[in-house]
Amino acid sequence: MYHHVKKLMYTVRVDEPDPRFGNMLLEQFGGANGELAAAMQYSIQGLNCEDPGRKDLLMDIGTEELSHLEIVGTLARMHLKPLKSVREEAEADPLIAIAGGGGVNLFNSMGNPWTADYLKITGELDVDLRSNIAAEARAKIVYERLIDFCRDSGTKDALQFLMTREITHMRAFQLALESMGRPPLSVGRIAPTPGLVDQFFNDSTGEGDLGEVDARGPWNEGEPWKFVEAPAFQAFKGADETAPVIDARSAPPERSEGIEAVLVDELRDLLHAEKQLLKALPKLQKAARSQQLQTLLQKHLAETEAQVERLNECLRVLGSAARAKPCKGMAGLIEEGEEVMAEGKKREDAPADLALIGAALRVEHYEIAAYTTARNLALQLGQPAVARLLTLSLGEEQNAGHLLDQLAQPLMSAARMPASVR
């Protein structure tokens, strides 16, 4: 039995209505990854579920998604309000202004009507739980993008709440799936064909002007994989000796001493860069004014310590000494950062922190480029263990850059920058 309580799960506040942004919000109201789709998907899965514990989980989260729908609808309606009375605003979206009276309806941001085709319901509980995990991940990304485009602090707070709950739901669905005790790739009742299931078909080939170099990694090499080179060409090889010969590689590519030397140099350069950062980050943290920026820098310091260990491990795997190579690029960025800290002493809090974020973002982009290069070299050398370690660090650097950029938005508002800049 449903009962509507006349209070939002999260009280929303909109200081400056923005009809165009209100239209964007409709993506989470009546779109494929929106709250209504989630509420219907989980609730109907719950109705079909024979397992009482997981049925309760599905109904709980399905009902919460209905409350999220009300939050998003209220936010959108508040942003769309000028369409009711202002001609120029109404011209921005005649569908909402004329057909809908300036209110919300079950459409996405492009005016396409909501459809039950959005729902993923199979009646197989483990398959449905996997669909739900993916649905929450997609919704989380949509909220991130809405936050990035949002300039209203009250709206941004509400979106942050909704985005956070997506992670909560993802975690709950993941644990429910794990508690079923089924192997990760066990789907349905009929077993796959032995042997065939372990074959990886290299169906995209070509080098140089004909395409990119084939990549190897844990997804196509090592146990239990059998790498099958270009199945589409197999029939030609025996029938016509003049047919083009495709170089079959059922094992990792041979080591190139030249490429390996470049990778070792990249790793040693990165090692020195990270060690310089271990000394610089505490200074940046001390110079930061806002608690959020201090916390973010403190967290990244811990990540940097782990990244140093990973780089040492990468060099050990490659049989090279864990010796740092002077990184002049990072030295220059840190020198610029020290100038920013010195100049920041004369500034107010928000501008000072924005300058610090700018210096930190330059560092992050430098490291993202270096880790990307090293990771790609490791893949081409057939070093999956090294590539995995570098991918972990690359993900941390990308996430740190995103968080810094996200933190800069409210600081810009606090600094009262001109509207043309915002």
Protein backbone atom coordinates (compact mmCIF):
# COMPACT_ATOMS: atom_id res chain seq x y z
CA MET A 1 0.00 0.00 0.00
CA TYR A 2 1.43 3.35 -1.05
CA HIS A 3 0.95 6.52 0.96
CA HIS A 4 2.12 9.96 -0.16
CA VAL A 5 3.69 12.11 2.54
CA LYS A 6 3.57 15.82 1.65
CA LYS A 7 7.26 16.35 2.26
CA LEU A 8 10.15 15.83 -0.14
CA MET A 9 12.81 13.28 0.76
CA TYR A 10 15.25 16.15 0.12
CA THR A 11 14.04 19.75 0.35
CA VAL A 12 15.01 21.57 -2.83
CA ARG A 13 15.95 25.22 -3.25
CA VAL A 14 16.30 27.10 -6.54
CA ASP A 15 17.70 30.62 -6.27
CA GLU A 16 17.86 31.48 -9.98
CA PRO A 17 15.43 29.63 -12.31
CA ASP A 18 17.02 28.50 -15.55
CA PRO A 19 14.44 27.13 -18.04
CA ARG A 20 17.08 25.62 -20.31
CA PHE A 21 18.54 23.71 -17.39
CA GLY A 22 15.01 22.74 -16.36
CA ASN A 23 14.69 21.08 -19.75
CA MET A 24 17.93 19.16 -19.10
CA LEU A 25 16.50 17.92 -15.79
CA LEU A 26 13.63 16.26 -17.66
CA GLU A 27 16.15 13.62 -18.76
CA GLN A 28 16.06 12.31 -15.19
CA PHE A 29 12.27 12.67 -15.00
CA GLY A 30 11.07 10.91 -18.14
CA GLY A 31 14.28 9.71 -19.80
CA ALA A 32 15.78 6.26 -20.32
CA ASN A 33 18.02 6.53 -17.26
CA GLY A 34 15.61 8.59 -15.18
CA GLU A 35 13.87 8.07 -11.88
CA LEU A 36 10.52 6.86 -13.26
CA ALA A 37 12.26 4.17 -15.31
CA ALA A 38 14.19 3.05 -12.22
CA ALA A 39 11.08 3.06 -10.01
CA MET A 40 9.08 0.98 -12.48
CA GLN A 41 11.92 -1.42 -13.26
CA TYR A 42 12.70 -2.28 -9.64
CA SER A 43 9.07 -2.39 -8.52
CA ILE A 44 7.99 -4.75 -11.31
CA GLN A 45 11.03 -6.93 -10.73
CA GLY A 46 9.96 -7.01 -7.08
CA LEU A 47 6.43 -8.08 -8.00
CA ASN A 48 7.93 -10.98 -10.00
CA CYS A 49 10.47 -11.97 -7.32
CA GLU A 50 9.92 -15.24 -5.40
CA ASP A 51 12.77 -14.55 -2.96
CA PRO A 52 11.23 -12.64 -0.01
CA GLY A 53 14.48 -10.94 1.09
CA ARG A 54 15.46 -9.65 -2.33
CA LYS A 55 11.82 -8.82 -3.11
CA ASP A 56 11.91 -6.51 -0.09
CA LEU A 57 15.13 -4.93 -1.41
CA LEU A 58 13.60 -4.29 -4.84
CA MET A 59 10.40 -2.81 -3.42
CA ASP A 60 12.32 -0.60 -0.97
CA ILE A 61 14.54 0.90 -3.66
CA GLY A 62 11.73 1.06 -6.21
CA THR A 63 9.67 3.11 -3.77
CA GLU A 64 12.62 5.40 -2.98
CA GLU A 65 13.03 6.05 -6.70
CA LEU A 66 9.44 7.36 -6.76
CA SER A 67 10.45 9.88 -4.10
CA HIS A 68 13.43 10.83 -6.25
CA LEU A 69 11.05 11.37 -9.16
CA GLU A 70 9.19 13.91 -7.04
CA ILE A 71 12.45 15.70 -6.19
CA VAL A 72 13.52 15.90 -9.84
CA GLY A 73 10.02 16.96 -10.92
CA THR A 74 9.93 19.71 -8.30
CA LEU A 75 13.38 20.96 -9.34
CA ALA A 76 12.42 20.95 -13.03
CA ARG A 77 9.11 22.72 -12.36
CA MET A 78 10.88 25.47 -10.38
CA HIS A 79 13.42 26.01 -13.16
CA LEU A 80 10.73 25.97 -15.85
CA LYS A 81 8.47 28.48 -14.06
CA PRO A 82 9.47 31.48 -16.25
CA LEU A 83 7.99 29.65 -19.26
CA LYS A 84 4.55 30.32 -17.82
CA SER A 85 4.76 34.09 -18.16
CA VAL A 86 7.85 35.26 -20.09
CA ARG A 87 7.53 35.16 -23.90
CA GLU A 88 11.29 34.98 -24.54
CA GLU A 89 11.68 32.06 -22.15
CA ALA A 90 8.67 30.26 -23.63
CA GLU A 91 10.22 30.43 -27.09
CA ALA A 92 13.10 28.29 -25.80
CA ASP A 93 10.77 25.29 -25.51
CA PRO A 94 7.28 25.69 -27.01
CA LEU A 95 6.39 22.04 -26.22
CA ILE A 96 6.69 22.65 -22.50
CA ALA A 97 5.37 26.23 -22.56
CA ILE A 98 2.35 25.76 -24.86
CA ALA A 99 1.39 22.09 -24.65
CA GLY A 100 2.40 21.60 -21.03
CA GLY A 101 1.69 25.01 -19.53
CA GLY A 102 5.26 25.39 -18.33
CA GLY A 103 5.17 22.27 -16.18
CA VAL A 104 6.73 18.83 -16.29
CA ASN A 105 5.45 15.81 -18.17
CA LEU A 106 6.72 12.32 -18.88
CA PHE A 107 9.12 13.39 -21.62
CA ASN A 108 12.89 13.39 -21.80
CA SER A 109 14.98 16.49 -22.51
CA MET A 110 14.32 16.15 -26.27
CA GLY A 111 10.55 15.91 -25.90
CA ASN A 112 10.36 12.16 -26.53
CA PRO A 113 7.64 10.44 -24.46
CA TRP A 114 8.51 7.97 -21.72
CA THR A 115 8.17 4.33 -22.77
CA ALA A 116 8.16 0.96 -21.04
CA ASP A 117 10.84 -0.07 -23.56
CA TYR A 118 13.28 1.58 -21.13
CA LEU A 119 12.70 -1.22 -18.59
CA LYS A 120 15.00 -4.23 -18.32
CA ILE A 121 13.02 -7.08 -16.78
CA THR A 122 13.89 -10.72 -17.53
CA GLY A 123 12.43 -12.62 -14.56
CA GLU A 124 15.93 -14.04 -13.83
CA LEU A 125 16.88 -12.43 -10.52
CA ASP A 126 20.66 -12.43 -11.02
CA VAL A 127 20.34 -11.01 -14.55
CA ASP A 128 17.93 -8.33 -13.34
CA LEU A 129 20.27 -7.37 -10.49
CA ARG A 130 23.10 -6.91 -12.99
CA SER A 131 20.80 -4.70 -15.09
CA ASN A 132 20.00 -2.66 -11.99
CA ILE A 133 23.69 -2.14 -11.17
CA ALA A 134 24.24 -0.88 -14.72
CA ALA A 135 21.12 1.34 -14.49
CA GLU A 136 22.39 2.99 -11.30
CA ALA A 137 25.81 3.52 -12.90
CA ARG A 138 24.22 5.22 -15.93
CA ALA A 139 22.03 7.41 -13.71
CA LYS A 140 25.06 8.39 -11.64
CA ILE A 141 26.85 9.58 -14.78
CA VAL A 142 23.77 11.58 -15.89
CA TYR A 143 23.66 13.33 -12.51
CA GLU A 144 27.40 14.11 -12.76
CA ARG A 145 26.83 15.78 -16.12
CA LEU A 146 23.84 17.73 -14.80
CA ILE A 147 25.98 18.92 -11.86
CA ASP A 148 28.70 20.00 -14.29
CA PHE A 149 26.21 22.14 -16.24
CA CYS A 150 24.42 23.49 -13.15
CA ARG A 151 25.14 27.00 -11.86
CA ASP A 152 22.54 27.14 -9.09
CA SER A 153 23.95 26.10 -5.71
CA GLY A 154 20.64 24.84 -4.25
CA THR A 155 19.95 22.72 -7.31
CA LYS A 156 23.49 21.38 -7.24
CA ASP A 157 23.07 20.29 -3.61
CA ALA A 158 19.91 18.34 -4.47
CA LEU A 159 21.59 16.71 -7.47
CA GLN A 160 24.54 15.72 -5.29
CA PHE A 161 22.09 14.00 -2.90
CA LEU A 162 20.42 12.11 -5.74
CA MET A 163 23.76 11.13 -7.29
CA THR A 164 24.99 9.78 -3.96
CA ARG A 165 21.92 7.59 -3.53
CA GLU A 166 22.69 5.97 -6.90
CA ILE A 167 25.93 4.64 -5.40
CA THR A 168 24.05 3.40 -2.32
CA HIS A 169 21.62 1.47 -4.52
CA MET A 170 24.42 0.12 -6.70
CA ARG A 171 26.16 -1.22 -3.59
CA ALA A 172 22.96 -2.83 -2.29
CA PHE A 173 22.25 -4.55 -5.63
CA GLN A 174 25.86 -5.73 -5.89
CA LEU A 175 25.78 -7.27 -2.41
CA ALA A 176 22.42 -8.90 -3.12
CA LEU A 177 23.90 -10.45 -6.27
CA GLU A 178 27.00 -11.68 -4.42
CA SER A 179 24.87 -13.14 -1.63
CA MET A 180 23.24 -15.48 -4.16
CA GLY A 181 26.56 -17.36 -4.24
CA ARG A 182 26.64 -17.76 -8.00
CA PRO A 183 29.87 -17.48 -10.04
CA PRO A 184 30.17 -14.03 -11.66
CA LEU A 185 29.64 -15.34 -15.21
CA SER A 186 27.05 -17.97 -14.40
CA VAL A 187 23.92 -16.96 -16.31
CA GLY A 188 20.85 -19.17 -16.69
CA ARG A 189 20.85 -23.00 -16.45
CA ILE A 190 22.46 -24.28 -19.67
CA ALA A 191 26.27 -24.51 -19.58
CA PRO A 192 28.29 -22.96 -22.44
CA THR A 193 30.17 -25.15 -24.93
CA PRO A 194 33.55 -26.15 -23.43
CA GLY A 195 36.59 -24.85 -25.33
CA LEU A 196 34.58 -22.45 -27.46
CA VAL A 197 33.78 -20.32 -24.42
CA ASP A 198 37.51 -19.71 -23.86
CA GLN A 199 38.33 -18.61 -27.41
CA PHE A 200 38.93 -14.92 -28.07
CA PHE A 201 38.46 -14.01 -31.75
CA ASN A 202 40.77 -11.27 -33.02
CA ASP A 203 38.22 -9.88 -35.49
CA SER A 204 39.78 -6.43 -35.86
CA THR A 205 43.19 -6.45 -37.53
CA GLY A 206 45.51 -4.11 -39.38
CA GLU A 207 48.58 -2.02 -38.63
CA GLY A 208 50.07 1.26 -39.82
CA ASP A 209 47.90 2.83 -42.53
CA LEU A 210 45.48 -0.10 -42.24
CA GLY A 211 44.59 0.45 -38.59
CA GLU A 212 45.86 0.40 -35.04
CA VAL A 213 48.15 -2.19 -33.49
CA ASP A 214 46.32 -5.14 -31.92
CA ALA A 215 46.26 -4.79 -28.14
CA ARG A 216 46.73 -7.60 -25.66
CA GLY A 217 45.55 -7.65 -22.07
CA PRO A 218 43.83 -9.78 -19.44
CA TRP A 219 40.69 -9.77 -21.60
CA ASN A 220 42.39 -11.85 -24.34
CA GLU A 221 45.58 -13.45 -22.97
CA GLY A 222 46.66 -15.74 -20.15
CA GLU A 223 44.63 -18.58 -18.70
CA PRO A 224 42.14 -19.81 -19.86
CA TRP A 225 42.14 -17.75 -23.07
CA LYS A 226 43.01 -19.16 -26.48
CA PHE A 227 43.75 -16.30 -28.87
CA VAL A 228 42.31 -17.05 -32.34
CA GLU A 229 43.78 -14.85 -35.05
CA ALA A 230 41.39 -13.44 -37.71
CA PRO A 231 38.76 -16.23 -38.01
CA ALA A 232 37.35 -14.59 -41.16
CA PHE A 233 40.63 -15.35 -42.99
CA GLN A 234 41.03 -18.95 -41.82
CA ALA A 235 39.19 -20.45 -44.82
CA PHE A 236 41.44 -18.62 -47.30
CA LYS A 237 44.70 -19.83 -45.83
CA GLY A 238 44.28 -23.48 -46.83
CA ALA A 239 42.42 -22.90 -50.10
CA ASP A 240 44.64 -20.30 -51.74
CA GLU A 241 48.36 -20.01 -51.05
CA THR A 242 48.40 -16.61 -52.75
CA ALA A 243 45.84 -15.21 -50.33
CA PRO A 244 47.11 -12.56 -47.91
CA VAL A 245 48.78 -14.10 -44.87
CA ILE A 246 47.73 -12.71 -41.52
CA ASP A 247 50.38 -12.88 -38.84
CA ALA A 248 48.94 -15.22 -36.21
CA ARG A 249 49.85 -14.36 -32.65
CA SER A 250 48.53 -16.84 -30.13
CA ALA A 251 51.11 -15.63 -27.62
CA PRO A 252 51.92 -12.13 -26.40
CA PRO A 253 53.99 -10.06 -28.84
CA GLU A 254 57.73 -10.39 -28.59
CA ARG A 255 59.44 -7.84 -26.43
CA SER A 256 60.83 -4.83 -28.14
CA GLU A 257 63.90 -3.66 -26.27
CA GLY A 258 63.36 -0.16 -27.66
CA ILE A 259 59.79 0.11 -26.43
CA GLU A 260 60.64 -1.46 -23.07
CA ALA A 261 63.40 1.10 -22.57
CA VAL A 262 60.87 3.88 -23.26
CA LEU A 263 58.44 2.36 -20.74
CA VAL A 264 61.13 2.10 -18.06
CA ASP A 265 62.07 5.75 -18.68
CA GLU A 266 58.40 6.78 -18.39
CA LEU A 267 58.01 4.86 -15.13
CA ARG A 268 61.16 6.35 -13.61
CA ASP A 269 60.10 9.84 -14.68
CA LEU A 270 56.69 9.26 -13.08
CA LEU A 271 58.32 7.90 -9.93
CA HIS A 272 60.27 11.12 -9.46
CA ALA A 273 57.19 13.19 -10.28
CA GLU A 274 55.13 11.40 -7.61
CA LYS A 275 57.92 11.71 -5.04
CA GLN A 276 58.04 15.46 -5.66
CA LEU A 277 54.28 15.59 -5.16
CA LEU A 278 54.57 13.81 -1.80
CA LYS A 279 56.48 16.87 -0.58
CA ALA A 280 54.32 19.46 -2.38
CA LEU A 281 50.81 18.26 -1.50
CA PRO A 282 51.08 18.93 2.27
CA LYS A 283 52.07 22.53 1.43
CA LEU A 284 49.08 22.90 -0.90
CA GLN A 285 46.82 21.43 1.76
CA LYS A 286 48.11 23.89 4.35
CA ALA A 287 47.58 26.81 1.94
CA ALA A 288 43.99 25.79 1.10
CA ARG A 289 41.26 27.80 2.83
CA SER A 290 38.17 25.62 2.32
CA GLN A 291 37.74 22.40 4.31
CA GLN A 292 36.62 20.54 1.18
CA LEU A 293 39.80 21.40 -0.71
CA GLN A 294 41.94 20.45 2.28
CA THR A 295 40.18 17.08 2.54
CA LEU A 296 40.51 16.43 -1.20
CA LEU A 297 44.25 17.18 -1.15
CA GLN A 298 44.74 15.01 1.93
CA LYS A 299 42.98 12.11 0.20
CA HIS A 300 45.09 12.55 -2.92
CA LEU A 301 48.25 12.53 -0.80
CA ALA A 302 47.32 9.03 0.39
CA GLU A 303 46.62 8.02 -3.22
CA THR A 304 50.01 9.40 -4.28
CA GLU A 305 51.75 7.27 -1.66
CA ALA A 306 50.04 4.19 -3.11
CA GLN A 307 50.99 5.29 -6.64
CA VAL A 308 54.67 5.41 -5.67
CA GLU A 309 54.41 1.80 -4.47
CA ARG A 310 52.72 0.76 -7.70
CA LEU A 311 55.46 2.35 -9.79
CA ASN A 312 58.11 0.53 -7.75
CA GLU A 313 56.20 -2.72 -8.33
CA CYS A 314 55.95 -2.03 -12.09
CA LEU A 315 59.72 -1.59 -12.31
CA ARG A 316 60.27 -4.79 -10.34
CA VAL A 317 57.98 -6.71 -12.72
CA LEU A 318 60.03 -5.41 -15.65
CA GLY A 319 63.28 -6.45 -13.92
CA SER A 320 64.50 -2.85 -13.59
CA ALA A 321 65.81 -1.01 -10.58
CA ALA A 322 63.24 1.19 -8.86
CA ARG A 323 65.35 4.29 -9.54
CA ALA A 324 63.78 7.69 -10.19
CA LYS A 325 64.72 9.82 -13.19
CA PRO A 326 64.61 13.62 -12.61
CA CYS A 327 61.25 14.91 -13.83
CA LYS A 328 61.76 18.51 -14.92
CA GLY A 329 58.14 18.89 -16.02
CA MET A 330 56.78 18.22 -12.53
CA ALA A 331 59.50 20.40 -11.00
CA GLY A 332 58.27 23.31 -13.12
CA LEU A 333 54.63 22.72 -12.20
CA ILE A 334 55.49 22.60 -8.49
CA GLU A 335 57.50 25.81 -8.82
CA GLU A 336 54.44 27.48 -10.36
CA GLY A 337 52.35 26.09 -7.51
CA GLU A 338 54.65 27.70 -4.95
CA GLU A 339 54.21 31.05 -6.71
CA VAL A 340 50.43 30.59 -6.59
CA MET A 341 50.60 29.86 -2.84
CA ALA A 342 52.71 32.97 -2.23
CA GLU A 343 50.36 35.20 -4.24
CA GLY A 344 47.33 33.61 -2.56
CA LYS A 345 48.30 35.08 0.82
CA LYS A 346 47.18 38.48 -0.50
CA ARG A 347 43.85 37.19 -1.85
CA GLU A 348 40.45 36.46 -0.36
CA ASP A 349 39.54 32.84 0.37
CA ALA A 350 37.63 31.87 -2.77
CA PRO A 351 40.05 33.41 -5.34
CA ALA A 352 43.02 31.95 -3.46
CA ASP A 353 41.52 28.46 -3.51
CA LEU A 354 40.55 28.78 -7.19
CA ALA A 355 44.16 29.58 -8.03
CA LEU A 356 45.30 26.55 -6.02
CA ILE A 357 42.82 24.35 -7.88
CA GLY A 358 44.16 25.65 -11.18
CA ALA A 359 47.71 24.72 -10.16
CA ALA A 360 46.56 21.28 -8.98
CA LEU A 361 44.62 20.65 -12.20
CA ARG A 362 47.73 21.36 -14.29
CA VAL A 363 49.53 18.70 -12.27
CA GLU A 364 46.69 16.21 -12.73
CA HIS A 365 46.57 16.67 -16.50
CA TYR A 366 50.34 16.22 -16.70
CA GLU A 367 50.10 12.97 -14.77
CA ILE A 368 47.10 11.73 -16.77
CA ALA A 369 49.12 12.11 -19.97
CA ALA A 370 52.13 10.30 -18.45
CA TYR A 371 50.09 7.40 -17.02
CA THR A 372 48.15 7.00 -20.28
CA THR A 373 51.40 6.74 -22.27
CA ALA A 374 52.94 4.26 -19.83
CA ARG A 375 49.80 2.12 -19.67
CA ASN A 376 49.58 1.90 -23.48
CA LEU A 377 53.24 0.94 -23.75
CA ALA A 378 52.71 -1.81 -21.17
CA LEU A 379 49.77 -3.19 -23.15
CA GLN A 380 51.78 -3.32 -26.35
CA LEU A 381 54.61 -5.12 -24.55
CA GLY A 382 52.21 -7.78 -23.28
CA GLN A 383 52.64 -6.76 -19.64
CA PRO A 384 49.08 -7.03 -18.23
CA ALA A 385 50.21 -6.85 -14.58
CA VAL A 386 52.00 -3.55 -15.22
CA ALA A 387 49.07 -2.23 -17.26
CA ARG A 388 46.62 -3.03 -14.45
CA LEU A 389 48.71 -1.17 -11.85
CA LEU A 390 49.05 1.85 -14.12
CA THR A 391 45.32 1.81 -14.92
CA LEU A 392 44.53 2.03 -11.20
CA SER A 393 46.73 5.11 -10.82
CA LEU A 394 45.38 6.66 -14.02
CA GLY A 395 41.82 6.29 -12.71
CA GLU A 396 42.78 8.01 -9.43
CA GLU A 397 44.35 10.93 -11.31
CA GLN A 398 41.29 11.32 -13.55
CA ASN A 399 38.96 11.21 -10.55
CA ALA A 400 41.07 13.77 -8.65
CA GLY A 401 40.90 16.11 -11.64
CA HIS A 402 37.12 15.72 -11.85
CA LEU A 403 36.69 16.42 -8.12
CA LEU A 404 38.89 19.52 -8.31
CA ASP A 405 36.87 20.84 -11.25
CA GLN A 406 33.62 20.10 -9.43
CA LEU A 407 34.85 21.89 -6.30
CA ALA A 408 35.76 24.98 -8.34
CA GLN A 409 32.15 25.63 -9.38
CA PRO A 410 30.74 26.80 -6.00
CA LEU A 411 33.97 28.72 -5.35
CA MET A 412 33.37 30.69 -8.55
CA SER A 413 29.93 31.65 -7.29
CA ALA A 414 31.42 32.62 -3.93
CA ALA A 415 34.00 34.80 -5.64
CA ARG A 416 31.12 36.61 -7.43
CA MET A 417 32.65 36.31 -10.86
CA PRO A 418 30.92 38.19 -13.71
CA ALA A 419 27.99 36.40 -15.33
CA SER A 420 29.80 36.35 -18.68
CA VAL A 421 32.59 34.27 -17.12
CA ARG A 422 30.22 31.91 -15.29
